[in-house]
Amino acid sequence: MSEALRVGLRLRGHVVVTGLRYSSGAERLLDHIGRNLADRRGLLDVIAEEGQDYGREVFASGGFGSWAPDSLHTVDLKGSSRVLVDTGRLMSDVTGAPGVSESAETVTVGSDAPYVGYLKGGANGAPRRDPTPQPSAQRVTRVAERLLDHVVGGVR
């Protein structure tokens, strides 16, 4: 809604009344922001995309360089030297499409595979390898910036 603002100016003793209109752009922007904040699904989609990208980076980098290589015996048994990749389930869970709940209340990135806890803890003498490490502060800032872009600009 645009409103008029009446301003009186004195110029050399004469009163000039000018009708100024301010753009309703600010109101449109606030309405847009309100709609985007209310769109939980849109916000969770942004988080889901970032989570999926992060999972791919974790596996592509070998846990950002923190995963010890498999032993030669393990490589022989599974026929591959790809760390934390045997059947592909774990990698698919972590790098695949995250689950956004029907009610658009939560997004799940990760795996519910029963052996994830053993991998994180390094059970049976195996080295610890966390398939879902905590993101860095820089990564969290990136997600926050993407969310802000979405809320203010509608960018996904």
N, C-alpha and C. Protein backbone atom coordinates (compact mmCIF):
# COMPACT_ATOMS: atom_id res chain seq x y z
N MET A 1 0.85 -1.16 0.00
CA MET A 1 0.00 0.00 0.00
C MET A 1 0.91 1.23 0.00
N SER A 2 0.66 2.14 -0.94
CA SER A 2 1.46 3.34 -1.03
C SER A 2 0.73 4.48 -0.33
N GLU A 3 1.46 5.28 0.40
CA GLU A 3 0.86 6.40 1.11
C GLU A 3 1.52 7.68 0.66
N ALA A 4 0.79 8.78 0.70
CA ALA A 4 1.35 10.08 0.34
C ALA A 4 1.88 10.75 1.60
N LEU A 5 2.95 11.45 1.44
CA LEU A 5 3.53 12.21 2.53
C LEU A 5 3.55 13.66 2.08
N ARG A 6 2.91 14.52 2.81
CA ARG A 6 2.85 15.92 2.44
C ARG A 6 3.95 16.67 3.16
N VAL A 7 4.70 17.41 2.40
CA VAL A 7 5.83 18.13 2.95
C VAL A 7 5.69 19.60 2.58
N GLY A 8 5.87 20.46 3.55
CA GLY A 8 5.85 21.89 3.27
C GLY A 8 7.26 22.44 3.26
N LEU A 9 7.64 23.13 2.21
CA LEU A 9 8.97 23.72 2.10
C LEU A 9 8.83 25.23 1.98
N ARG A 10 9.70 25.96 2.60
CA ARG A 10 9.72 27.42 2.48
C ARG A 10 10.84 27.79 1.52
N LEU A 11 10.46 28.39 0.44
CA LEU A 11 11.43 28.87 -0.53
C LEU A 11 11.21 30.37 -0.72
N ARG A 12 12.14 31.19 -0.28
CA ARG A 12 12.08 32.64 -0.43
C ARG A 12 10.74 33.21 -0.01
N GLY A 13 10.28 32.74 1.13
CA GLY A 13 9.04 33.28 1.67
C GLY A 13 7.78 32.65 1.15
N HIS A 14 7.87 31.79 0.15
CA HIS A 14 6.68 31.13 -0.39
C HIS A 14 6.60 29.71 0.15
N VAL A 15 5.44 29.26 0.44
CA VAL A 15 5.25 27.89 0.89
C VAL A 15 4.89 27.03 -0.32
N VAL A 16 5.67 26.01 -0.51
CA VAL A 16 5.41 25.07 -1.60
C VAL A 16 5.04 23.75 -0.94
N VAL A 17 3.89 23.26 -1.26
CA VAL A 17 3.45 21.97 -0.73
C VAL A 17 3.65 20.94 -1.82
N THR A 18 4.39 19.95 -1.46
CA THR A 18 4.70 18.92 -2.44
C THR A 18 4.16 17.59 -1.92
N GLY A 19 3.56 16.86 -2.76
CA GLY A 19 3.11 15.51 -2.41
C GLY A 19 4.16 14.51 -2.83
N LEU A 20 4.78 13.90 -1.89
CA LEU A 20 5.79 12.88 -2.18
C LEU A 20 5.19 11.51 -1.93
N ARG A 21 5.53 10.59 -2.76
CA ARG A 21 5.07 9.21 -2.57
C ARG A 21 6.31 8.36 -2.32
N TYR A 22 6.24 7.59 -1.27
CA TYR A 22 7.35 6.66 -1.10
C TYR A 22 6.93 5.34 -1.70
N SER A 23 7.87 4.66 -2.22
CA SER A 23 7.60 3.40 -2.88
C SER A 23 7.11 2.39 -1.86
N SER A 24 6.19 1.60 -2.30
CA SER A 24 5.73 0.53 -1.41
C SER A 24 6.66 -0.68 -1.53
N GLY A 25 7.84 -0.47 -2.12
CA GLY A 25 8.82 -1.55 -2.25
C GLY A 25 9.21 -2.15 -0.92
N ALA A 26 9.33 -1.29 0.10
CA ALA A 26 9.69 -1.81 1.42
C ALA A 26 8.59 -2.72 1.94
N GLU A 27 7.35 -2.32 1.72
CA GLU A 27 6.24 -3.17 2.17
C GLU A 27 6.22 -4.48 1.40
N ARG A 28 6.47 -4.40 0.09
CA ARG A 28 6.49 -5.63 -0.72
C ARG A 28 7.61 -6.56 -0.25
N LEU A 29 8.78 -5.96 0.05
CA LEU A 29 9.90 -6.77 0.52
C LEU A 29 9.57 -7.44 1.85
N LEU A 30 8.96 -6.70 2.77
CA LEU A 30 8.60 -7.29 4.06
C LEU A 30 7.55 -8.38 3.89
N ASP A 31 6.59 -8.17 2.99
CA ASP A 31 5.61 -9.23 2.71
C ASP A 31 6.30 -10.47 2.14
N HIS A 32 7.24 -10.24 1.22
CA HIS A 32 8.00 -11.33 0.60
C HIS A 32 8.79 -12.11 1.66
N ILE A 33 9.46 -11.38 2.54
CA ILE A 33 10.23 -12.01 3.62
C ILE A 33 9.30 -12.82 4.52
N GLY A 34 8.15 -12.24 4.86
CA GLY A 34 7.19 -12.96 5.70
C GLY A 34 6.72 -14.25 5.06
N ARG A 35 6.43 -14.21 3.75
CA ARG A 35 6.00 -15.43 3.05
C ARG A 35 7.11 -16.47 3.04
N ASN A 36 8.35 -16.03 2.79
CA ASN A 36 9.45 -16.99 2.75
C ASN A 36 9.76 -17.58 4.12
N LEU A 37 9.60 -16.79 5.17
CA LEU A 37 9.79 -17.34 6.51
C LEU A 37 8.70 -18.34 6.86
N ALA A 38 7.50 -18.09 6.37
CA ALA A 38 6.38 -19.00 6.65
C ALA A 38 6.49 -20.28 5.82
N ASP A 39 7.25 -20.24 4.74
CA ASP A 39 7.41 -21.40 3.86
C ASP A 39 8.50 -22.32 4.43
N ARG A 40 8.12 -23.11 5.40
CA ARG A 40 9.09 -23.99 6.05
C ARG A 40 9.70 -24.96 5.06
N ARG A 41 8.89 -25.43 4.12
CA ARG A 41 9.39 -26.40 3.14
C ARG A 41 10.55 -25.79 2.34
N GLY A 42 10.40 -24.53 1.95
CA GLY A 42 11.47 -23.86 1.20
C GLY A 42 12.74 -23.74 2.01
N LEU A 43 12.60 -23.40 3.29
CA LEU A 43 13.78 -23.29 4.17
C LEU A 43 14.45 -24.64 4.34
N LEU A 44 13.65 -25.67 4.54
CA LEU A 44 14.22 -27.01 4.72
C LEU A 44 14.85 -27.52 3.43
N ASP A 45 14.30 -27.13 2.28
CA ASP A 45 14.91 -27.53 1.01
C ASP A 45 16.31 -26.96 0.87
N VAL A 46 16.49 -25.71 1.30
CA VAL A 46 17.82 -25.10 1.26
C VAL A 46 18.77 -25.88 2.16
N ILE A 47 18.33 -26.21 3.37
CA ILE A 47 19.16 -26.98 4.30
C ILE A 47 19.45 -28.37 3.72
N ALA A 48 18.46 -28.99 3.11
CA ALA A 48 18.64 -30.32 2.53
C ALA A 48 19.68 -30.28 1.40
N GLU A 49 19.60 -29.29 0.54
CA GLU A 49 20.58 -29.17 -0.55
C GLU A 49 21.99 -29.00 0.00
N GLU A 50 22.13 -28.16 1.01
CA GLU A 50 23.45 -27.95 1.62
C GLU A 50 23.94 -29.23 2.29
N GLY A 51 23.04 -29.96 2.95
CA GLY A 51 23.42 -31.22 3.59
C GLY A 51 23.88 -32.24 2.58
N GLN A 52 23.19 -32.32 1.47
CA GLN A 52 23.56 -33.26 0.42
C GLN A 52 24.94 -32.89 -0.16
N ASP A 53 25.16 -31.61 -0.42
CA ASP A 53 26.46 -31.17 -0.93
C ASP A 53 27.56 -31.50 0.08
N TYR A 54 27.28 -31.27 1.35
CA TYR A 54 28.27 -31.54 2.40
C TYR A 54 28.60 -33.03 2.44
N GLY A 55 27.59 -33.88 2.38
CA GLY A 55 27.82 -35.33 2.38
C GLY A 55 28.69 -35.76 1.21
N ARG A 56 28.44 -35.18 0.05
CA ARG A 56 29.27 -35.50 -1.12
C ARG A 56 30.71 -35.08 -0.91
N GLU A 57 30.90 -33.90 -0.31
CA GLU A 57 32.26 -33.42 -0.04
C GLU A 57 32.97 -34.33 0.96
N VAL A 58 32.23 -34.80 1.97
CA VAL A 58 32.83 -35.70 2.97
C VAL A 58 33.36 -36.96 2.29
N PHE A 59 32.54 -37.58 1.46
CA PHE A 59 32.98 -38.83 0.82
C PHE A 59 34.03 -38.59 -0.25
N ALA A 60 33.91 -37.51 -1.00
CA ALA A 60 34.89 -37.22 -2.06
C ALA A 60 36.27 -36.92 -1.47
N SER A 61 36.31 -36.39 -0.27
CA SER A 61 37.58 -36.00 0.34
C SER A 61 38.09 -37.01 1.37
N GLY A 62 37.39 -38.13 1.52
CA GLY A 62 37.81 -39.11 2.54
C GLY A 62 37.70 -38.54 3.93
N GLY A 63 36.54 -37.92 4.21
CA GLY A 63 36.34 -37.32 5.53
C GLY A 63 37.24 -36.12 5.74
N PHE A 64 37.41 -35.34 4.66
CA PHE A 64 38.29 -34.17 4.67
C PHE A 64 39.71 -34.58 5.06
N GLY A 65 40.11 -35.75 4.55
CA GLY A 65 41.46 -36.24 4.78
C GLY A 65 41.67 -36.95 6.10
N SER A 66 40.61 -37.13 6.86
CA SER A 66 40.77 -37.72 8.20
C SER A 66 40.60 -39.24 8.22
N TRP A 67 40.05 -39.82 7.15
CA TRP A 67 39.83 -41.27 7.16
C TRP A 67 41.12 -42.00 6.79
N ALA A 68 41.52 -42.90 7.65
CA ALA A 68 42.68 -43.75 7.36
C ALA A 68 42.30 -44.70 6.23
N PRO A 69 43.25 -45.06 5.38
CA PRO A 69 42.94 -46.01 4.30
C PRO A 69 42.61 -47.38 4.87
N ASP A 70 41.88 -48.15 4.09
CA ASP A 70 41.58 -49.53 4.49
C ASP A 70 42.87 -50.35 4.48
N SER A 71 42.88 -51.37 5.33
CA SER A 71 44.02 -52.28 5.32
C SER A 71 44.01 -53.07 4.00
N LEU A 72 45.16 -53.61 3.64
CA LEU A 72 45.24 -54.41 2.41
C LEU A 72 44.29 -55.60 2.47
N HIS A 73 44.14 -56.17 3.66
CA HIS A 73 43.23 -57.30 3.83
C HIS A 73 41.78 -56.87 3.53
N THR A 74 41.39 -55.71 4.04
CA THR A 74 40.03 -55.21 3.79
C THR A 74 39.82 -54.90 2.31
N VAL A 75 40.82 -54.32 1.69
CA VAL A 75 40.72 -54.01 0.25
C VAL A 75 40.54 -55.31 -0.54
N ASP A 76 41.29 -56.35 -0.17
CA ASP A 76 41.15 -57.64 -0.85
C ASP A 76 39.75 -58.22 -0.64
N LEU A 77 39.24 -58.13 0.59
CA LEU A 77 37.93 -58.69 0.89
C LEU A 77 36.80 -58.00 0.12
N LYS A 78 36.84 -56.69 0.06
CA LYS A 78 35.72 -55.98 -0.59
C LYS A 78 36.00 -55.65 -2.05
N GLY A 79 37.25 -55.81 -2.49
CA GLY A 79 37.56 -55.58 -3.90
C GLY A 79 37.66 -54.12 -4.30
N SER A 80 37.84 -53.27 -3.32
CA SER A 80 37.92 -51.84 -3.59
C SER A 80 38.70 -51.16 -2.48
N SER A 81 39.34 -50.05 -2.83
CA SER A 81 40.06 -49.29 -1.80
C SER A 81 39.28 -48.06 -1.36
N ARG A 82 38.04 -47.93 -1.77
CA ARG A 82 37.23 -46.77 -1.38
C ARG A 82 36.83 -46.93 0.09
N VAL A 83 37.32 -46.02 0.89
CA VAL A 83 37.08 -46.07 2.33
C VAL A 83 35.60 -45.80 2.60
N LEU A 84 35.02 -46.60 3.48
CA LEU A 84 33.61 -46.54 3.90
C LEU A 84 32.63 -46.82 2.76
N VAL A 85 33.13 -47.45 1.69
CA VAL A 85 32.23 -47.83 0.60
C VAL A 85 32.42 -49.32 0.35
N ASP A 86 31.36 -50.08 0.65
CA ASP A 86 31.36 -51.51 0.36
C ASP A 86 30.11 -51.81 -0.44
N THR A 87 28.96 -51.82 0.21
CA THR A 87 27.71 -52.05 -0.51
C THR A 87 27.19 -50.77 -1.16
N GLY A 88 27.63 -49.63 -0.68
CA GLY A 88 27.17 -48.35 -1.22
C GLY A 88 26.03 -47.74 -0.43
N ARG A 89 25.48 -48.50 0.54
CA ARG A 89 24.33 -47.99 1.29
C ARG A 89 24.68 -46.72 2.07
N LEU A 90 25.78 -46.78 2.81
CA LEU A 90 26.15 -45.64 3.65
C LEU A 90 26.39 -44.40 2.80
N MET A 91 27.16 -44.54 1.73
CA MET A 91 27.44 -43.39 0.87
C MET A 91 26.15 -42.87 0.25
N SER A 92 25.28 -43.74 -0.16
CA SER A 92 24.00 -43.32 -0.73
C SER A 92 23.16 -42.57 0.30
N ASP A 93 23.14 -43.08 1.53
CA ASP A 93 22.39 -42.41 2.59
C ASP A 93 22.90 -41.01 2.85
N VAL A 94 24.23 -40.86 2.90
CA VAL A 94 24.83 -39.58 3.27
C VAL A 94 24.87 -38.60 2.11
N THR A 95 25.03 -39.09 0.89
CA THR A 95 25.15 -38.19 -0.26
C THR A 95 23.88 -38.07 -1.08
N GLY A 96 22.90 -38.93 -0.80
CA GLY A 96 21.66 -38.90 -1.57
C GLY A 96 20.73 -37.79 -1.10
N ALA A 97 19.55 -37.80 -1.65
CA ALA A 97 18.57 -36.76 -1.32
C ALA A 97 18.17 -36.87 0.15
N PRO A 98 18.38 -35.81 0.92
CA PRO A 98 17.97 -35.82 2.33
C PRO A 98 16.46 -35.92 2.45
N GLY A 99 16.02 -36.45 3.56
CA GLY A 99 14.59 -36.59 3.80
C GLY A 99 14.01 -35.37 4.48
N VAL A 100 13.03 -34.74 3.81
CA VAL A 100 12.29 -33.64 4.41
C VAL A 100 10.95 -34.22 4.83
N SER A 101 10.59 -34.06 6.09
CA SER A 101 9.37 -34.67 6.60
C SER A 101 8.14 -34.10 5.89
N GLU A 102 7.11 -34.92 5.85
CA GLU A 102 5.83 -34.50 5.23
C GLU A 102 5.29 -33.23 5.84
N SER A 103 5.47 -33.09 7.13
CA SER A 103 4.95 -31.91 7.82
C SER A 103 5.88 -30.70 7.68
N ALA A 104 6.98 -30.89 6.94
CA ALA A 104 7.98 -29.84 6.73
C ALA A 104 8.47 -29.27 8.06
N GLU A 105 8.72 -30.17 8.99
CA GLU A 105 9.23 -29.76 10.30
C GLU A 105 10.70 -30.08 10.45
N THR A 106 11.17 -31.12 9.76
CA THR A 106 12.56 -31.55 9.94
C THR A 106 13.16 -31.98 8.61
N VAL A 107 14.48 -31.93 8.56
CA VAL A 107 15.23 -32.49 7.44
C VAL A 107 16.26 -33.43 8.04
N THR A 108 16.43 -34.59 7.42
CA THR A 108 17.36 -35.59 7.92
C THR A 108 18.45 -35.82 6.89
N VAL A 109 19.67 -35.59 7.31
CA VAL A 109 20.84 -35.85 6.47
C VAL A 109 21.70 -36.83 7.24
N GLY A 110 21.99 -37.96 6.65
CA GLY A 110 22.82 -38.95 7.34
C GLY A 110 22.32 -40.35 7.05
N SER A 111 22.64 -41.25 7.94
CA SER A 111 22.29 -42.65 7.74
C SER A 111 21.81 -43.26 9.04
N ASP A 112 20.86 -44.16 8.91
CA ASP A 112 20.41 -44.91 10.08
C ASP A 112 20.97 -46.34 10.04
N ALA A 113 21.99 -46.55 9.20
CA ALA A 113 22.61 -47.87 9.13
C ALA A 113 23.14 -48.24 10.51
N PRO A 114 22.91 -49.49 10.94
CA PRO A 114 23.28 -49.87 12.31
C PRO A 114 24.78 -49.83 12.59
N TYR A 115 25.60 -49.83 11.57
CA TYR A 115 27.05 -49.86 11.79
C TYR A 115 27.71 -48.48 11.84
N VAL A 116 26.93 -47.40 11.69
CA VAL A 116 27.51 -46.05 11.71
C VAL A 116 28.21 -45.78 13.03
N GLY A 117 27.61 -46.19 14.13
CA GLY A 117 28.23 -45.98 15.45
C GLY A 117 29.57 -46.68 15.56
N TYR A 118 29.68 -47.87 14.98
CA TYR A 118 30.95 -48.60 15.02
C TYR A 118 32.01 -47.87 14.20
N LEU A 119 31.60 -47.32 13.05
CA LEU A 119 32.56 -46.59 12.22
C LEU A 119 33.07 -45.35 12.94
N LYS A 120 32.16 -44.64 13.58
CA LYS A 120 32.56 -43.43 14.31
C LYS A 120 33.48 -43.75 15.47
N GLY A 121 33.20 -44.86 16.14
CA GLY A 121 33.98 -45.22 17.33
C GLY A 121 35.22 -46.03 17.05
N GLY A 122 35.34 -46.57 15.83
CA GLY A 122 36.51 -47.39 15.51
C GLY A 122 36.48 -48.74 16.19
N ALA A 123 35.38 -49.45 16.09
CA ALA A 123 35.23 -50.74 16.77
C ALA A 123 36.15 -51.81 16.19
N ASN A 124 36.45 -52.80 17.02
CA ASN A 124 37.26 -53.97 16.65
C ASN A 124 38.63 -53.59 16.08
N GLY A 125 39.22 -52.55 16.61
CA GLY A 125 40.57 -52.16 16.19
C GLY A 125 40.63 -51.34 14.91
N ALA A 126 39.50 -51.11 14.28
CA ALA A 126 39.49 -50.29 13.06
C ALA A 126 39.66 -48.82 13.44
N PRO A 127 40.23 -48.02 12.55
CA PRO A 127 40.38 -46.59 12.86
C PRO A 127 39.01 -45.90 12.88
N ARG A 128 38.91 -44.84 13.64
CA ARG A 128 37.67 -44.05 13.68
C ARG A 128 37.48 -43.33 12.34
N ARG A 129 36.29 -43.46 11.80
CA ARG A 129 35.96 -42.79 10.54
C ARG A 129 34.52 -42.31 10.64
N ASP A 130 34.38 -41.03 10.80
CA ASP A 130 33.04 -40.45 10.98
C ASP A 130 32.47 -40.09 9.61
N PRO A 131 31.41 -40.78 9.16
CA PRO A 131 30.81 -40.47 7.86
C PRO A 131 29.96 -39.19 7.88
N THR A 132 29.69 -38.68 9.07
CA THR A 132 28.90 -37.45 9.18
C THR A 132 29.54 -36.51 10.20
N PRO A 133 30.75 -36.01 9.88
CA PRO A 133 31.42 -35.13 10.84
C PRO A 133 30.71 -33.79 10.98
N GLN A 134 30.96 -33.14 12.10
CA GLN A 134 30.39 -31.81 12.32
C GLN A 134 30.95 -30.85 11.27
N PRO A 135 30.09 -30.03 10.68
CA PRO A 135 30.59 -29.07 9.70
C PRO A 135 31.40 -27.96 10.38
N SER A 136 32.29 -27.38 9.62
CA SER A 136 33.10 -26.28 10.13
C SER A 136 32.25 -25.03 10.31
N ALA A 137 32.79 -24.08 11.06
CA ALA A 137 32.09 -22.80 11.24
C ALA A 137 31.89 -22.11 9.90
N GLN A 138 32.85 -22.25 9.01
CA GLN A 138 32.73 -21.65 7.67
C GLN A 138 31.56 -22.26 6.92
N ARG A 139 31.39 -23.58 7.05
CA ARG A 139 30.28 -24.26 6.36
C ARG A 139 28.94 -23.82 6.95
N VAL A 140 28.87 -23.71 8.26
CA VAL A 140 27.63 -23.27 8.91
C VAL A 140 27.29 -21.85 8.46
N THR A 141 28.30 -21.00 8.33
CA THR A 141 28.07 -19.63 7.84
C THR A 141 27.54 -19.66 6.42
N ARG A 142 28.07 -20.55 5.60
CA ARG A 142 27.58 -20.67 4.22
C ARG A 142 26.10 -21.05 4.19
N VAL A 143 25.71 -21.98 5.03
CA VAL A 143 24.30 -22.39 5.10
C VAL A 143 23.44 -21.22 5.56
N ALA A 144 23.91 -20.50 6.56
CA ALA A 144 23.16 -19.33 7.06
C ALA A 144 23.01 -18.28 5.96
N GLU A 145 24.05 -18.06 5.18
CA GLU A 145 23.98 -17.09 4.09
C GLU A 145 22.98 -17.54 3.02
N ARG A 146 22.98 -18.82 2.71
CA ARG A 146 22.00 -19.34 1.73
C ARG A 146 20.58 -19.20 2.25
N LEU A 147 20.38 -19.46 3.54
CA LEU A 147 19.05 -19.29 4.12
C LEU A 147 18.62 -17.82 4.05
N LEU A 148 19.53 -16.91 4.37
CA LEU A 148 19.22 -15.49 4.30
C LEU A 148 18.90 -15.09 2.86
N ASP A 149 19.68 -15.57 1.90
CA ASP A 149 19.39 -15.30 0.49
C ASP A 149 17.99 -15.77 0.12
N HIS A 150 17.64 -16.95 0.61
CA HIS A 150 16.30 -17.49 0.33
C HIS A 150 15.21 -16.61 0.95
N VAL A 151 15.40 -16.25 2.20
CA VAL A 151 14.37 -15.49 2.91
C VAL A 151 14.20 -14.11 2.29
N VAL A 152 15.29 -13.44 2.00
CA VAL A 152 15.21 -12.06 1.50
C VAL A 152 14.99 -12.02 0.00
N GLY A 153 15.68 -12.90 -0.72
CA GLY A 153 15.59 -12.81 -2.17
C GLY A 153 14.82 -13.92 -2.84
N GLY A 154 14.44 -14.93 -2.10
CA GLY A 154 13.74 -16.05 -2.70
C GLY A 154 14.65 -16.95 -3.49
N VAL A 155 15.96 -16.86 -3.28
CA VAL A 155 16.94 -17.64 -4.01
C VAL A 155 17.07 -18.99 -3.36
N ARG A 156 17.11 -20.05 -4.16
CA ARG A 156 17.34 -21.40 -3.64
C ARG A 156 18.60 -21.95 -4.20
